[in-house]
Amino acid sequence: MELHPELNVAIVFRDHATVQSLLGKTLFNRTIIDGDTTDLRFLDPVSSIVALYAKGGARKDDSGFVVSVANLPIH
């Protein structure tokens, strides 16, 4: 997968604990940051993975919108 070098990517994970366990790790050579602490995306470091946790009906999503950590090359 090739990502634009200057754009951030948001990924929704199953729960808050999962997001917290990923902070500071890398995915696709990009640092994972917490996307739920603020809505000010313009303050995010360039070329980050913005990790969000599923809320509302998304917590039960099985369409692939909510990503499983088991399927990703996280370092």
PDB file of N, CA and C in Angstrom:
ATOM      1  N   MET A   1       0.842  -1.169   0.000  1.00  0.00           N
ATOM      2  CA  MET A   1       0.000   0.000   0.000  1.00  0.00           C
ATOM      3  C   MET A   1       0.891   1.237   0.000  1.00  0.00           C
ATOM      4  N   GLU A   2       0.613   2.164  -0.899  1.00  0.00           N
ATOM      5  CA  GLU A   2       1.381   3.401  -0.942  1.00  0.00           C
ATOM      6  C   GLU A   2       0.484   4.557  -0.528  1.00  0.00           C
ATOM      7  N   LEU A   3       0.967   5.323   0.442  1.00  0.00           N
ATOM      8  CA  LEU A   3       0.208   6.459   0.967  1.00  0.00           C
ATOM      9  C   LEU A   3       0.911   7.752   0.589  1.00  0.00           C
ATOM     10  N   HIS A   4       0.136   8.789   0.357  1.00  0.00           N
ATOM     11  CA  HIS A   4       0.712  10.101   0.063  1.00  0.00           C
ATOM     12  C   HIS A   4       1.587  10.505   1.247  1.00  0.00           C
ATOM     13  N   PRO A   5       2.825  10.923   1.013  1.00  0.00           N
ATOM     14  CA  PRO A   5       3.769  11.171   2.107  1.00  0.00           C
ATOM     15  C   PRO A   5       3.394  12.312   3.050  1.00  0.00           C
ATOM     16  N   GLU A   6       2.527  13.218   2.642  1.00  0.00           N
ATOM     17  CA  GLU A   6       2.203  14.361   3.494  1.00  0.00           C
ATOM     18  C   GLU A   6       0.806  14.310   4.089  1.00  0.00           C
ATOM     19  N   LEU A   7       0.058  13.286   3.773  1.00  0.00           N
ATOM     20  CA  LEU A   7      -1.318  13.203   4.268  1.00  0.00           C
ATOM     21  C   LEU A   7      -1.420  12.218   5.429  1.00  0.00           C
ATOM     22  N   ASN A   8      -2.252  12.564   6.391  1.00  0.00           N
ATOM     23  CA  ASN A   8      -2.536  11.670   7.508  1.00  0.00           C
ATOM     24  C   ASN A   8      -3.639  10.703   7.113  1.00  0.00           C
ATOM     25  N   VAL A   9      -3.697   9.594   7.812  1.00  0.00           N
ATOM     26  CA  VAL A   9      -4.714   8.579   7.567  1.00  0.00           C
ATOM     27  C   VAL A   9      -5.414   8.290   8.883  1.00  0.00           C
ATOM     28  N   ALA A  10      -6.743   8.329   8.879  1.00  0.00           N
ATOM     29  CA  ALA A  10      -7.522   7.997  10.077  1.00  0.00           C
ATOM     30  C   ALA A  10      -7.966   6.545   9.989  1.00  0.00           C
ATOM     31  N   ILE A  11      -7.837   5.830  11.110  1.00  0.00           N
ATOM     32  CA  ILE A  11      -8.278   4.438  11.190  1.00  0.00           C
ATOM     33  C   ILE A  11      -9.103   4.284  12.458  1.00  0.00           C
ATOM     34  N   VAL A  12     -10.255   3.630  12.322  1.00  0.00           N
ATOM     35  CA  VAL A  12     -11.132   3.379  13.467  1.00  0.00           C
ATOM     36  C   VAL A  12     -10.855   1.977  13.999  1.00  0.00           C
ATOM     37  N   PHE A  13     -10.529   1.909  15.298  1.00  0.00           N
ATOM     38  CA  PHE A  13     -10.270   0.638  15.965  1.00  0.00           C
ATOM     39  C   PHE A  13     -11.436   0.296  16.880  1.00  0.00           C
ATOM     40  N   ARG A  14     -11.482  -0.934  17.347  1.00  0.00           N
ATOM     41  CA  ARG A  14     -12.628  -1.458  18.081  1.00  0.00           C
ATOM     42  C   ARG A  14     -12.937  -0.714  19.379  1.00  0.00           C
ATOM     43  N   ASP A  15     -11.920  -0.366  20.173  1.00  0.00           N
ATOM     44  CA  ASP A  15     -12.203   0.255  21.470  1.00  0.00           C
ATOM     45  C   ASP A  15     -11.074   1.187  21.913  1.00  0.00           C
ATOM     46  N   HIS A  16     -11.345   1.932  22.960  1.00  0.00           N
ATOM     47  CA  HIS A  16     -10.404   2.916  23.489  1.00  0.00           C
ATOM     48  C   HIS A  16      -9.120   2.255  23.975  1.00  0.00           C
ATOM     49  N   ALA A  17      -9.221   1.111  24.624  1.00  0.00           N
ATOM     50  CA  ALA A  17      -8.038   0.408  25.136  1.00  0.00           C
ATOM     51  C   ALA A  17      -7.096   0.016  23.997  1.00  0.00           C
ATOM     52  N   THR A  18      -7.639  -0.403  22.882  1.00  0.00           N
ATOM     53  CA  THR A  18      -6.819  -0.752  21.725  1.00  0.00           C
ATOM     54  C   THR A  18      -6.063   0.467  21.224  1.00  0.00           C
ATOM     55  N   VAL A  19      -6.764   1.589  21.086  1.00  0.00           N
ATOM     56  CA  VAL A  19      -6.116   2.824  20.637  1.00  0.00           C
ATOM     57  C   VAL A  19      -4.983   3.192  21.589  1.00  0.00           C
ATOM     58  N   GLN A  20      -5.237   3.144  22.875  1.00  0.00           N
ATOM     59  CA  GLN A  20      -4.219   3.512  23.860  1.00  0.00           C
ATOM     60  C   GLN A  20      -2.989   2.604  23.755  1.00  0.00           C
ATOM     61  N   SER A  21      -3.198   1.334  23.463  1.00  0.00           N
ATOM     62  CA  SER A  21      -2.074   0.392  23.359  1.00  0.00           C
ATOM     63  C   SER A  21      -1.238   0.629  22.105  1.00  0.00           C
ATOM     64  N   LEU A  22      -1.773   1.335  21.126  1.00  0.00           N
ATOM     65  CA  LEU A  22      -1.082   1.567  19.861  1.00  0.00           C
ATOM     66  C   LEU A  22      -0.323   2.883  19.798  1.00  0.00           C
ATOM     67  N   LEU A  23      -0.609   3.794  20.694  1.00  0.00           N
ATOM     68  CA  LEU A  23      -0.014   5.130  20.630  1.00  0.00           C
ATOM     69  C   LEU A  23       1.506   5.069  20.644  1.00  0.00           C
ATOM     70  N   GLY A  24       2.122   5.788  19.706  1.00  0.00           N
ATOM     71  CA  GLY A  24       3.571   5.827  19.609  1.00  0.00           C
ATOM     72  C   GLY A  24       4.170   4.711  18.763  1.00  0.00           C
ATOM     73  N   LYS A  25       3.390   3.684  18.459  1.00  0.00           N
ATOM     74  CA  LYS A  25       3.873   2.608  17.593  1.00  0.00           C
ATOM     75  C   LYS A  25       3.770   3.072  16.142  1.00  0.00           C
ATOM     76  N   THR A  26       4.265   2.277  15.215  1.00  0.00           N
ATOM     77  CA  THR A  26       4.216   2.666  13.814  1.00  0.00           C
ATOM     78  C   THR A  26       3.425   1.668  12.982  1.00  0.00           C
ATOM     79  N   LEU A  27       2.829   2.207  11.944  1.00  0.00           N
ATOM     80  CA  LEU A  27       2.056   1.439  10.980  1.00  0.00           C
ATOM     81  C   LEU A  27       2.306   2.093   9.631  1.00  0.00           C
ATOM     82  N   PHE A  28       2.715   1.324   8.636  1.00  0.00           N
ATOM     83  CA  PHE A  28       3.057   1.868   7.318  1.00  0.00           C
ATOM     84  C   PHE A  28       4.101   2.983   7.437  1.00  0.00           C
ATOM     85  N   ASN A  29       5.045   2.811   8.353  1.00  0.00           N
ATOM     86  CA  ASN A  29       6.127   3.776   8.600  1.00  0.00           C
ATOM     87  C   ASN A  29       5.614   5.140   9.073  1.00  0.00           C
ATOM     88  N   ARG A  30       4.458   5.147   9.735  1.00  0.00           N
ATOM     89  CA  ARG A  30       3.879   6.378  10.271  1.00  0.00           C
ATOM     90  C   ARG A  30       3.581   6.174  11.752  1.00  0.00           C
ATOM     91  N   THR A  31       3.798   7.205  12.535  1.00  0.00           N
ATOM     92  CA  THR A  31       3.525   7.124  13.969  1.00  0.00           C
ATOM     93  C   THR A  31       2.021   7.184  14.210  1.00  0.00           C
ATOM     94  N   ILE A  32       1.559   6.356  15.135  1.00  0.00           N
ATOM     95  CA  ILE A  32       0.133   6.329  15.493  1.00  0.00           C
ATOM     96  C   ILE A  32      -0.107   7.338  16.608  1.00  0.00           C
ATOM     97  N   ILE A  33      -1.092   8.227  16.386  1.00  0.00           N
ATOM     98  CA  ILE A  33      -1.457   9.235  17.380  1.00  0.00           C
ATOM     99  C   ILE A  33      -2.926   9.080  17.759  1.00  0.00           C
ATOM    100  N   ASP A  34      -3.310   9.650  18.882  1.00  0.00           N
ATOM    101  CA  ASP A  34      -4.688   9.577  19.384  1.00  0.00           C
ATOM    102  C   ASP A  34      -5.533  10.656  18.712  1.00  0.00           C
ATOM    103  N   GLY A  35      -6.492  10.243  17.921  1.00  0.00           N
ATOM    104  CA  GLY A  35      -7.364  11.179  17.222  1.00  0.00           C
ATOM    105  C   GLY A  35      -8.575  11.598  18.023  1.00  0.00           C
ATOM    106  N   ASP A  36      -8.737  11.056  19.222  1.00  0.00           N
ATOM    107  CA  ASP A  36      -9.905  11.383  20.037  1.00  0.00           C
ATOM    108  C   ASP A  36      -9.622  12.438  21.097  1.00  0.00           C
ATOM    109  N   THR A  37      -8.387  12.893  21.225  1.00  0.00           N
ATOM    110  CA  THR A  37      -8.079  13.892  22.253  1.00  0.00           C
ATOM    111  C   THR A  37      -8.488  15.291  21.830  1.00  0.00           C
ATOM    112  N   THR A  38      -8.538  15.538  20.512  1.00  0.00           N
ATOM    113  CA  THR A  38      -8.937  16.840  19.995  1.00  0.00           C
ATOM    114  C   THR A  38      -9.487  16.677  18.587  1.00  0.00           C
ATOM    115  N   ASP A  39     -10.264  17.652  18.149  1.00  0.00           N
ATOM    116  CA  ASP A  39     -10.761  17.665  16.772  1.00  0.00           C
ATOM    117  C   ASP A  39      -9.922  18.573  15.889  1.00  0.00           C
ATOM    118  N   LEU A  40      -8.844  19.117  16.421  1.00  0.00           N
ATOM    119  CA  LEU A  40      -8.002  20.057  15.686  1.00  0.00           C
ATOM    120  C   LEU A  40      -6.979  19.298  14.850  1.00  0.00           C
ATOM    121  N   ARG A  41      -7.451  18.675  13.789  1.00  0.00           N
ATOM    122  CA  ARG A  41      -6.597  17.814  12.957  1.00  0.00           C
ATOM    123  C   ARG A  41      -5.420  18.578  12.361  1.00  0.00           C
ATOM    124  N   PHE A  42      -5.549  19.871  12.150  1.00  0.00           N
ATOM    125  CA  PHE A  42      -4.449  20.637  11.569  1.00  0.00           C
ATOM    126  C   PHE A  42      -3.244  20.706  12.501  1.00  0.00           C
ATOM    127  N   LEU A  43      -3.415  20.326  13.767  1.00  0.00           N
ATOM    128  CA  LEU A  43      -2.306  20.301  14.713  1.00  0.00           C
ATOM    129  C   LEU A  43      -1.558  18.959  14.717  1.00  0.00           C
ATOM    130  N   ASP A  44      -2.096  17.970  14.032  1.00  0.00           N
ATOM    131  CA  ASP A  44      -1.467  16.648  14.001  1.00  0.00           C
ATOM    132  C   ASP A  44      -0.144  16.702  13.251  1.00  0.00           C
ATOM    133  N   PRO A  45       0.831  15.888  13.671  1.00  0.00           N
ATOM    134  CA  PRO A  45       2.076  15.796  12.913  1.00  0.00           C
ATOM    135  C   PRO A  45       1.788  15.281  11.501  1.00  0.00           C
ATOM    136  N   VAL A  46       2.528  15.789  10.531  1.00  0.00           N
ATOM    137  CA  VAL A  46       2.362  15.355   9.144  1.00  0.00           C
ATOM    138  C   VAL A  46       2.736  13.881   9.033  1.00  0.00           C
ATOM    139  N   SER A  47       2.004  13.177   8.204  1.00  0.00           N
ATOM    140  CA  SER A  47       2.275  11.773   7.911  1.00  0.00           C
ATOM    141  C   SER A  47       2.054  10.871   9.125  1.00  0.00           C
ATOM    142  N   SER A  48       0.917  11.051   9.790  1.00  0.00           N
ATOM    143  CA  SER A  48       0.547  10.258  10.969  1.00  0.00           C
ATOM    144  C   SER A  48      -0.608   9.322  10.657  1.00  0.00           C
ATOM    145  N   ILE A  49      -0.744   8.306  11.488  1.00  0.00           N
ATOM    146  CA  ILE A  49      -1.953   7.490  11.511  1.00  0.00           C
ATOM    147  C   ILE A  49      -2.766   8.028  12.683  1.00  0.00           C
ATOM    148  N   VAL A  50      -3.967   8.518  12.409  1.00  0.00           N
ATOM    149  CA  VAL A  50      -4.829   9.084  13.438  1.00  0.00           C
ATOM    150  C   VAL A  50      -5.770   7.969  13.899  1.00  0.00           C
ATOM    151  N   ALA A  51      -5.502   7.439  15.088  1.00  0.00           N
ATOM    152  CA  ALA A  51      -6.283   6.320  15.613  1.00  0.00           C
ATOM    153  C   ALA A  51      -7.520   6.835  16.338  1.00  0.00           C
ATOM    154  N   LEU A  52      -8.657   6.323  15.944  1.00  0.00           N
ATOM    155  CA  LEU A  52      -9.935   6.650  16.573  1.00  0.00           C
ATOM    156  C   LEU A  52     -10.535   5.358  17.109  1.00  0.00           C
ATOM    157  N   TYR A  53     -11.358   5.465  18.139  1.00  0.00           N
ATOM    158  CA  TYR A  53     -12.024   4.248  18.595  1.00  0.00           C
ATOM    159  C   TYR A  53     -13.502   4.310  18.228  1.00  0.00           C
ATOM    160  N   ALA A  54     -14.071   3.139  17.958  1.00  0.00           N
ATOM    161  CA  ALA A  54     -15.451   3.031  17.509  1.00  0.00           C
ATOM    162  C   ALA A  54     -16.410   3.506  18.592  1.00  0.00           C
ATOM    163  N   LYS A  55     -17.391   4.285  18.170  1.00  0.00           N
ATOM    164  CA  LYS A  55     -18.409   4.807  19.088  1.00  0.00           C
ATOM    165  C   LYS A  55     -19.790   4.484  18.533  1.00  0.00           C
ATOM    166  N   GLY A  56     -20.775   4.481  19.394  1.00  0.00           N
ATOM    167  CA  GLY A  56     -22.151   4.235  18.951  1.00  0.00           C
ATOM    168  C   GLY A  56     -22.290   2.901  18.249  1.00  0.00           C
ATOM    169  N   GLY A  57     -23.030   2.911  17.157  1.00  0.00           N
ATOM    170  CA  GLY A  57     -23.291   1.694  16.398  1.00  0.00           C
ATOM    171  C   GLY A  57     -22.045   1.081  15.787  1.00  0.00           C
ATOM    172  N   ALA A  58     -21.008   1.889  15.597  1.00  0.00           N
ATOM    173  CA  ALA A  58     -19.765   1.375  15.005  1.00  0.00           C
ATOM    174  C   ALA A  58     -19.094   0.334  15.891  1.00  0.00           C
ATOM    175  N   ARG A  59     -19.391   0.343  17.183  1.00  0.00           N
ATOM    176  CA  ARG A  59     -18.778  -0.646  18.080  1.00  0.00           C
ATOM    177  C   ARG A  59     -19.134  -2.067  17.695  1.00  0.00           C
ATOM    178  N   LYS A  60     -20.269  -2.246  17.024  1.00  0.00           N
ATOM    179  CA  LYS A  60     -20.703  -3.582  16.615  1.00  0.00           C
ATOM    180  C   LYS A  60     -20.508  -3.816  15.111  1.00  0.00           C
ATOM    181  N   ASP A  61     -19.833  -2.887  14.447  1.00  0.00           N
ATOM    182  CA  ASP A  61     -19.633  -2.961  13.003  1.00  0.00           C
ATOM    183  C   ASP A  61     -18.806  -4.186  12.618  1.00  0.00           C
ATOM    184  N   ASP A  62     -19.223  -4.864  11.582  1.00  0.00           N
ATOM    185  CA  ASP A  62     -18.442  -5.982  11.063  1.00  0.00           C
ATOM    186  C   ASP A  62     -18.255  -5.864   9.544  1.00  0.00           C
ATOM    187  N   SER A  63     -18.430  -4.646   9.028  1.00  0.00           N
ATOM    188  CA  SER A  63     -18.301  -4.410   7.589  1.00  0.00           C
ATOM    189  C   SER A  63     -16.860  -4.204   7.141  1.00  0.00           C
ATOM    190  N   GLY A  64     -15.956  -3.990   8.104  1.00  0.00           N
ATOM    191  CA  GLY A  64     -14.576  -3.677   7.769  1.00  0.00           C
ATOM    192  C   GLY A  64     -14.225  -2.226   8.053  1.00  0.00           C
ATOM    193  N   PHE A  65     -15.231  -1.402   8.347  1.00  0.00           N
ATOM    194  CA  PHE A  65     -14.988  -0.002   8.702  1.00  0.00           C
ATOM    195  C   PHE A  65     -14.150   0.099   9.969  1.00  0.00           C
ATOM    196  N   VAL A  66     -14.466  -0.743  10.950  1.00  0.00           N
ATOM    197  CA  VAL A  66     -13.682  -0.816  12.181  1.00  0.00           C
ATOM    198  C   VAL A  66     -12.607  -1.869  11.955  1.00  0.00           C
ATOM    199  N   VAL A  67     -11.353  -1.466  12.155  1.00  0.00           N
ATOM    200  CA  VAL A  67     -10.211  -2.306  11.798  1.00  0.00           C
ATOM    201  C   VAL A  67      -9.746  -3.152  12.988  1.00  0.00           C
ATOM    202  N   SER A  68      -9.388  -4.387  12.681  1.00  0.00           N
ATOM    203  CA  SER A  68      -8.830  -5.283  13.683  1.00  0.00           C
ATOM    204  C   SER A  68      -7.308  -5.155  13.686  1.00  0.00           C
ATOM    205  N   VAL A  69      -6.733  -5.031  14.861  1.00  0.00           N
ATOM    206  CA  VAL A  69      -5.274  -4.893  15.001  1.00  0.00           C
ATOM    207  C   VAL A  69      -4.579  -6.143  14.461  1.00  0.00           C
ATOM    208  N   ALA A  70      -5.203  -7.276  14.574  1.00  0.00           N
ATOM    209  CA  ALA A  70      -4.589  -8.535  14.141  1.00  0.00           C
ATOM    210  C   ALA A  70      -4.249  -8.527  12.651  1.00  0.00           C
ATOM    211  N   ASN A  71      -4.927  -7.698  11.879  1.00  0.00           N
ATOM    212  CA  ASN A  71      -4.721  -7.666  10.438  1.00  0.00           C
ATOM    213  C   ASN A  71      -3.701  -6.631   9.978  1.00  0.00           C
ATOM    214  N   LEU A  72      -3.025  -5.961  10.898  1.00  0.00           N
ATOM    215  CA  LEU A  72      -2.128  -4.871  10.534  1.00  0.00           C
ATOM    216  C   LEU A  72      -0.676  -5.126  10.965  1.00  0.00           C
ATOM    217  N   PRO A  73       0.282  -4.646  10.158  1.00  0.00           N
ATOM    218  CA  PRO A  73       1.704  -4.805  10.493  1.00  0.00           C
ATOM    219  C   PRO A  73       2.185  -3.690  11.432  1.00  0.00           C
ATOM    220  N   ILE A  74       1.717  -3.703  12.678  1.00  0.00           N
ATOM    221  CA  ILE A  74       2.055  -2.659  13.634  1.00  0.00           C
ATOM    222  C   ILE A  74       3.380  -3.006  14.304  1.00  0.00           C
ATOM    223  N   HIS A  75       4.232  -1.994  14.432  1.00  0.00           N
ATOM    224  CA  HIS A  75       5.553  -2.187  15.041  1.00  0.00           C
ATOM    225  C   HIS A  75       5.719  -1.265  16.225  1.00  0.00           C
TER     226      HIS A  75
END
